[in-house]
PDB file of all heavy atoms in Angstrom:
ATOM      1  N   ASP A   1      -4.053  11.035   6.388  1.00  0.00           N
ATOM      2  CA  ASP A   1      -5.155  12.011   6.501  1.00  0.00           C
ATOM      3  C   ASP A   1      -6.476  11.196   6.210  1.00  0.00           C
ATOM      4  O   ASP A   1      -7.533  11.460   6.918  1.00  0.00           O
ATOM      5  CB  ASP A   1      -5.021  13.157   5.646  1.00  0.00           C
ATOM      6  CG  ASP A   1      -3.825  14.030   5.937  1.00  0.00           C
ATOM      7  OD1 ASP A   1      -3.463  14.120   7.105  1.00  0.00           O
ATOM      8  OD2 ASP A   1      -3.299  14.686   5.026  1.00  0.00           O
ATOM      9  N   LEU A   2      -6.477  10.422   5.198  1.00  0.00           N
ATOM     10  CA  LEU A   2      -7.722   9.869   4.660  1.00  0.00           C
ATOM     11  C   LEU A   2      -8.149   8.573   5.377  1.00  0.00           C
ATOM     12  O   LEU A   2      -9.308   8.202   5.456  1.00  0.00           O
ATOM     13  CB  LEU A   2      -7.558   9.496   3.196  1.00  0.00           C
ATOM     14  CG  LEU A   2      -7.388  10.687   2.268  1.00  0.00           C
ATOM     15  CD1 LEU A   2      -6.921  10.330   0.943  1.00  0.00           C
ATOM     16  CD2 LEU A   2      -8.702  11.579   2.142  1.00  0.00           C
ATOM     17  N   PHE A   3      -7.140   7.865   6.005  1.00  0.00           N
ATOM     18  CA  PHE A   3      -7.379   6.621   6.853  1.00  0.00           C
ATOM     19  C   PHE A   3      -6.848   6.738   8.242  1.00  0.00           C
ATOM     20  O   PHE A   3      -5.959   6.013   8.537  1.00  0.00           O
ATOM     21  CB  PHE A   3      -6.827   5.442   5.993  1.00  0.00           C
ATOM     22  CG  PHE A   3      -7.395   5.272   4.644  1.00  0.00           C
ATOM     23  CD1 PHE A   3      -6.659   5.870   3.594  1.00  0.00           C
ATOM     24  CD2 PHE A   3      -8.464   4.560   4.400  1.00  0.00           C
ATOM     25  CE1 PHE A   3      -7.217   5.719   2.234  1.00  0.00           C
ATOM     26  CE2 PHE A   3      -8.964   4.291   3.063  1.00  0.00           C
ATOM     27  CZ  PHE A   3      -8.347   4.971   2.027  1.00  0.00           C
ATOM     28  N   PRO A   4      -7.344   7.596   9.009  1.00  0.00           N
ATOM     29  CA  PRO A   4      -6.737   7.876  10.285  1.00  0.00           C
ATOM     30  C   PRO A   4      -6.844   6.606  11.272  1.00  0.00           C
ATOM     31  O   PRO A   4      -5.982   6.472  12.133  1.00  0.00           O
ATOM     32  CB  PRO A   4      -7.471   9.153  10.855  1.00  0.00           C
ATOM     33  CG  PRO A   4      -8.787   8.957  10.157  1.00  0.00           C
ATOM     34  CD  PRO A   4      -8.473   8.570   8.803  1.00  0.00           C
ATOM     35  N   ASP A   5      -7.845   5.790  11.060  1.00  0.00           N
ATOM     36  CA  ASP A   5      -7.964   4.708  12.013  1.00  0.00           C
ATOM     37  C   ASP A   5      -7.337   3.467  11.501  1.00  0.00           C
ATOM     38  O   ASP A   5      -7.109   2.464  12.295  1.00  0.00           O
ATOM     39  CB  ASP A   5      -9.528   4.435  12.153  1.00  0.00           C
ATOM     40  CG  ASP A   5     -10.203   5.594  12.785  1.00  0.00           C
ATOM     41  OD1 ASP A   5      -9.552   6.238  13.692  1.00  0.00           O
ATOM     42  OD2 ASP A   5     -11.425   5.819  12.483  1.00  0.00           O
ATOM     43  N   ASN A   6      -7.021   3.343  10.319  1.00  0.00           N
ATOM     44  CA  ASN A   6      -6.342   2.136   9.760  1.00  0.00           C
ATOM     45  C   ASN A   6      -5.293   2.568   8.634  1.00  0.00           C
ATOM     46  O   ASN A   6      -5.251   1.966   7.607  1.00  0.00           O
ATOM     47  CB  ASN A   6      -7.273   1.156   9.244  1.00  0.00           C
ATOM     48  CG  ASN A   6      -8.407   1.689   8.420  1.00  0.00           C
ATOM     49  OD1 ASN A   6      -8.247   2.905   7.955  1.00  0.00           O
ATOM     50  ND2 ASN A   6      -9.324   0.965   8.010  1.00  0.00           N
ATOM     51  N   ASP A   7      -4.458   3.590   9.017  1.00  0.00           N
ATOM     52  CA  ASP A   7      -3.494   3.963   8.007  1.00  0.00           C
ATOM     53  C   ASP A   7      -2.383   2.928   7.764  1.00  0.00           C
ATOM     54  O   ASP A   7      -1.870   2.820   6.558  1.00  0.00           O
ATOM     55  CB  ASP A   7      -2.750   5.371   8.410  1.00  0.00           C
ATOM     56  CG  ASP A   7      -2.211   5.284   9.822  1.00  0.00           C
ATOM     57  OD1 ASP A   7      -2.539   4.339  10.556  1.00  0.00           O
ATOM     58  OD2 ASP A   7      -1.400   6.089  10.066  1.00  0.00           O
ATOM     59  N   GLY A   8      -2.104   2.123   8.697  1.00  0.00           N
ATOM     60  CA  GLY A   8      -1.253   1.026   8.508  1.00  0.00           C
ATOM     61  C   GLY A   8      -1.627   0.096   7.432  1.00  0.00           C
ATOM     62  O   GLY A   8      -0.871  -0.249   6.553  1.00  0.00           O
ATOM     63  N   ALA A   9      -2.892  -0.324   7.472  1.00  0.00           N
ATOM     64  CA  ALA A   9      -3.390  -1.252   6.500  1.00  0.00           C
ATOM     65  C   ALA A   9      -3.381  -0.594   5.108  1.00  0.00           C
ATOM     66  O   ALA A   9      -3.092  -1.152   4.020  1.00  0.00           O
ATOM     67  CB  ALA A   9      -4.860  -1.679   6.761  1.00  0.00           C
ATOM     68  N   ALA A  10      -3.736   0.739   4.934  1.00  0.00           N
ATOM     69  CA  ALA A  10      -3.753   1.528   3.757  1.00  0.00           C
ATOM     70  C   ALA A  10      -2.386   1.610   3.128  1.00  0.00           C
ATOM     71  O   ALA A  10      -2.161   1.426   1.931  1.00  0.00           O
ATOM     72  CB  ALA A  10      -4.359   2.937   3.961  1.00  0.00           C
ATOM     73  N   VAL A  11      -1.374   1.868   4.031  1.00  0.00           N
ATOM     74  CA  VAL A  11      -0.003   1.856   3.559  1.00  0.00           C
ATOM     75  C   VAL A  11       0.404   0.616   3.098  1.00  0.00           C
ATOM     76  O   VAL A  11       1.191   0.426   2.044  1.00  0.00           O
ATOM     77  CB  VAL A  11       0.920   2.501   4.667  1.00  0.00           C
ATOM     78  CG1 VAL A  11       2.300   2.318   4.291  1.00  0.00           C
ATOM     79  CG2 VAL A  11       0.587   4.018   4.976  1.00  0.00           C
ATOM     80  N   GLY A  12       0.069  -0.481   3.829  1.00  0.00           N
ATOM     81  CA  GLY A  12       0.436  -1.822   3.478  1.00  0.00           C
ATOM     82  C   GLY A  12      -0.081  -2.161   1.988  1.00  0.00           C
ATOM     83  O   GLY A  12       0.703  -2.786   1.245  1.00  0.00           O
ATOM     84  N   ILE A  13      -1.257  -1.818   1.665  1.00  0.00           N
ATOM     85  CA  ILE A  13      -1.886  -2.157   0.426  1.00  0.00           C
ATOM     86  C   ILE A  13      -1.099  -1.396  -0.651  1.00  0.00           C
ATOM     87  O   ILE A  13      -0.846  -1.829  -1.709  1.00  0.00           O
ATOM     88  CB  ILE A  13      -3.418  -1.943   0.463  1.00  0.00           C
ATOM     89  CG1 ILE A  13      -4.136  -2.869   1.281  1.00  0.00           C
ATOM     90  CG2 ILE A  13      -3.896  -1.760  -0.977  1.00  0.00           C
ATOM     91  CD1 ILE A  13      -5.570  -2.782   1.411  1.00  0.00           C
ATOM     92  N   THR A  14      -0.799  -0.079  -0.377  1.00  0.00           N
ATOM     93  CA  THR A  14      -0.132   0.766  -1.335  1.00  0.00           C
ATOM     94  C   THR A  14       1.221   0.136  -1.592  1.00  0.00           C
ATOM     95  O   THR A  14       1.698   0.099  -2.775  1.00  0.00           O
ATOM     96  CB  THR A  14      -0.055   2.214  -0.854  1.00  0.00           C
ATOM     97  OG1 THR A  14      -1.415   2.677  -0.573  1.00  0.00           O
ATOM     98  CG2 THR A  14       0.687   3.128  -1.778  1.00  0.00           C
ATOM     99  N   LEU A  15       2.025  -0.127  -0.550  1.00  0.00           N
ATOM    100  CA  LEU A  15       3.369  -0.735  -0.747  1.00  0.00           C
ATOM    101  C   LEU A  15       3.303  -2.030  -1.478  1.00  0.00           C
ATOM    102  O   LEU A  15       4.205  -2.356  -2.221  1.00  0.00           O
ATOM    103  CB  LEU A  15       4.040  -0.887   0.519  1.00  0.00           C
ATOM    104  CG  LEU A  15       4.367   0.495   1.307  1.00  0.00           C
ATOM    105  CD1 LEU A  15       5.142   0.222   2.586  1.00  0.00           C
ATOM    106  CD2 LEU A  15       5.099   1.385   0.394  1.00  0.00           C
ATOM    107  N   ALA A  16       2.295  -2.883  -1.176  1.00  0.00           N
ATOM    108  CA  ALA A  16       2.066  -4.159  -1.838  1.00  0.00           C
ATOM    109  C   ALA A  16       1.893  -3.948  -3.300  1.00  0.00           C
ATOM    110  O   ALA A  16       2.369  -4.731  -4.109  1.00  0.00           O
ATOM    111  CB  ALA A  16       0.880  -4.866  -1.305  1.00  0.00           C
ATOM    112  N   ALA A  17       1.068  -2.843  -3.770  1.00  0.00           N
ATOM    113  CA  ALA A  17       1.045  -2.529  -5.054  1.00  0.00           C
ATOM    114  C   ALA A  17       2.336  -2.241  -5.717  1.00  0.00           C
ATOM    115  O   ALA A  17       2.532  -2.571  -6.923  1.00  0.00           O
ATOM    116  CB  ALA A  17      -0.025  -1.347  -5.246  1.00  0.00           C
ATOM    117  N   GLY A  18       3.309  -1.578  -5.036  1.00  0.00           N
ATOM    118  CA  GLY A  18       4.555  -1.349  -5.478  1.00  0.00           C
ATOM    119  C   GLY A  18       5.391  -2.683  -5.717  1.00  0.00           C
ATOM    120  O   GLY A  18       6.123  -2.730  -6.643  1.00  0.00           O
ATOM    121  N   GLU A  19       5.144  -3.567  -4.798  1.00  0.00           N
ATOM    122  CA  GLU A  19       5.944  -4.873  -4.976  1.00  0.00           C
ATOM    123  C   GLU A  19       5.324  -5.694  -6.259  1.00  0.00           C
ATOM    124  O   GLU A  19       6.043  -6.316  -6.951  1.00  0.00           O
ATOM    125  CB  GLU A  19       5.733  -5.785  -3.720  1.00  0.00           C
ATOM    126  CG  GLU A  19       6.163  -5.183  -2.462  1.00  0.00           C
ATOM    127  CD  GLU A  19       7.601  -4.850  -2.511  1.00  0.00           C
ATOM    128  OE1 GLU A  19       8.430  -5.312  -3.322  1.00  0.00           O
ATOM    129  OE2 GLU A  19       8.002  -3.891  -1.624  1.00  0.00           O
ATOM    130  N   VAL A  20       4.024  -5.484  -6.600  1.00  0.00           N
ATOM    131  CA  VAL A  20       3.491  -5.992  -7.852  1.00  0.00           C
ATOM    132  C   VAL A  20       4.278  -5.286  -8.991  1.00  0.00           C
ATOM    133  O   VAL A  20       4.542  -5.965  -9.983  1.00  0.00           O
ATOM    134  CB  VAL A  20       2.001  -5.765  -7.892  1.00  0.00           C
ATOM    135  CG1 VAL A  20       1.531  -6.255  -9.201  1.00  0.00           C
ATOM    136  CG2 VAL A  20       1.251  -6.615  -6.781  1.00  0.00           C
ATOM    137  N   GLY A  21       4.342  -3.959  -8.859  1.00  0.00           N
ATOM    138  CA  GLY A  21       5.153  -3.312  -9.908  1.00  0.00           C
ATOM    139  C   GLY A  21       6.539  -3.694 -10.100  1.00  0.00           C
ATOM    140  O   GLY A  21       7.085  -3.995 -11.210  1.00  0.00           O
ATOM    141  N   ASN A  22       7.190  -4.086  -8.899  1.00  0.00           N
ATOM    142  CA  ASN A  22       8.623  -4.619  -8.966  1.00  0.00           C
ATOM    143  C   ASN A  22       8.634  -5.926  -9.614  1.00  0.00           C
ATOM    144  O   ASN A  22       9.625  -6.272 -10.339  1.00  0.00           O
ATOM    145  CB  ASN A  22       9.183  -4.730  -7.533  1.00  0.00           C
ATOM    146  CG  ASN A  22       9.308  -3.336  -6.885  1.00  0.00           C
ATOM    147  OD1 ASN A  22       9.408  -2.401  -7.460  1.00  0.00           O
ATOM    148  ND2 ASN A  22       9.456  -3.387  -5.522  1.00  0.00           N
ATOM    149  N   ALA A  23       7.546  -6.803  -9.446  1.00  0.00           N
ATOM    150  CA  ALA A  23       7.596  -8.171 -10.016  1.00  0.00           C
ATOM    151  C   ALA A  23       7.106  -8.151 -11.449  1.00  0.00           C
ATOM    152  O   ALA A  23       7.653  -8.924 -12.265  1.00  0.00           O
ATOM    153  CB  ALA A  23       6.673  -8.930  -9.193  1.00  0.00           C
ATOM    154  N   LEU A  24       6.417  -7.153 -11.863  1.00  0.00           N
ATOM    155  CA  LEU A  24       5.767  -7.268 -13.281  1.00  0.00           C
ATOM    156  C   LEU A  24       6.486  -6.438 -14.250  1.00  0.00           C
ATOM    157  O   LEU A  24       6.733  -6.740 -15.462  1.00  0.00           O
ATOM    158  CB  LEU A  24       4.287  -6.933 -13.213  1.00  0.00           C
ATOM    159  CG  LEU A  24       3.332  -7.835 -12.563  1.00  0.00           C
ATOM    160  CD1 LEU A  24       1.898  -7.363 -12.619  1.00  0.00           C
ATOM    161  CD2 LEU A  24       3.515  -9.332 -13.013  1.00  0.00           C
ATOM    162  N   LEU A  25       6.743  -5.101 -13.883  1.00  0.00           N
ATOM    163  CA  LEU A  25       7.166  -4.121 -14.855  1.00  0.00           C
ATOM    164  C   LEU A  25       8.600  -4.430 -15.420  1.00  0.00           C
ATOM    165  O   LEU A  25       8.849  -4.255 -16.633  1.00  0.00           O
ATOM    166  CB  LEU A  25       7.054  -2.742 -14.258  1.00  0.00           C
ATOM    167  CG  LEU A  25       5.707  -2.178 -14.045  1.00  0.00           C
ATOM    168  CD1 LEU A  25       5.773  -0.723 -13.457  1.00  0.00           C
ATOM    169  CD2 LEU A  25       4.930  -2.133 -15.329  1.00  0.00           C
TER     170      LEU A  25
END
């Protein structure tokens, strides 16, 4: 909804944050 023109990039950054969580936590 919030990033209709580049939702793929927004999702990519969000999932990348999850990978940081997987590596650090």
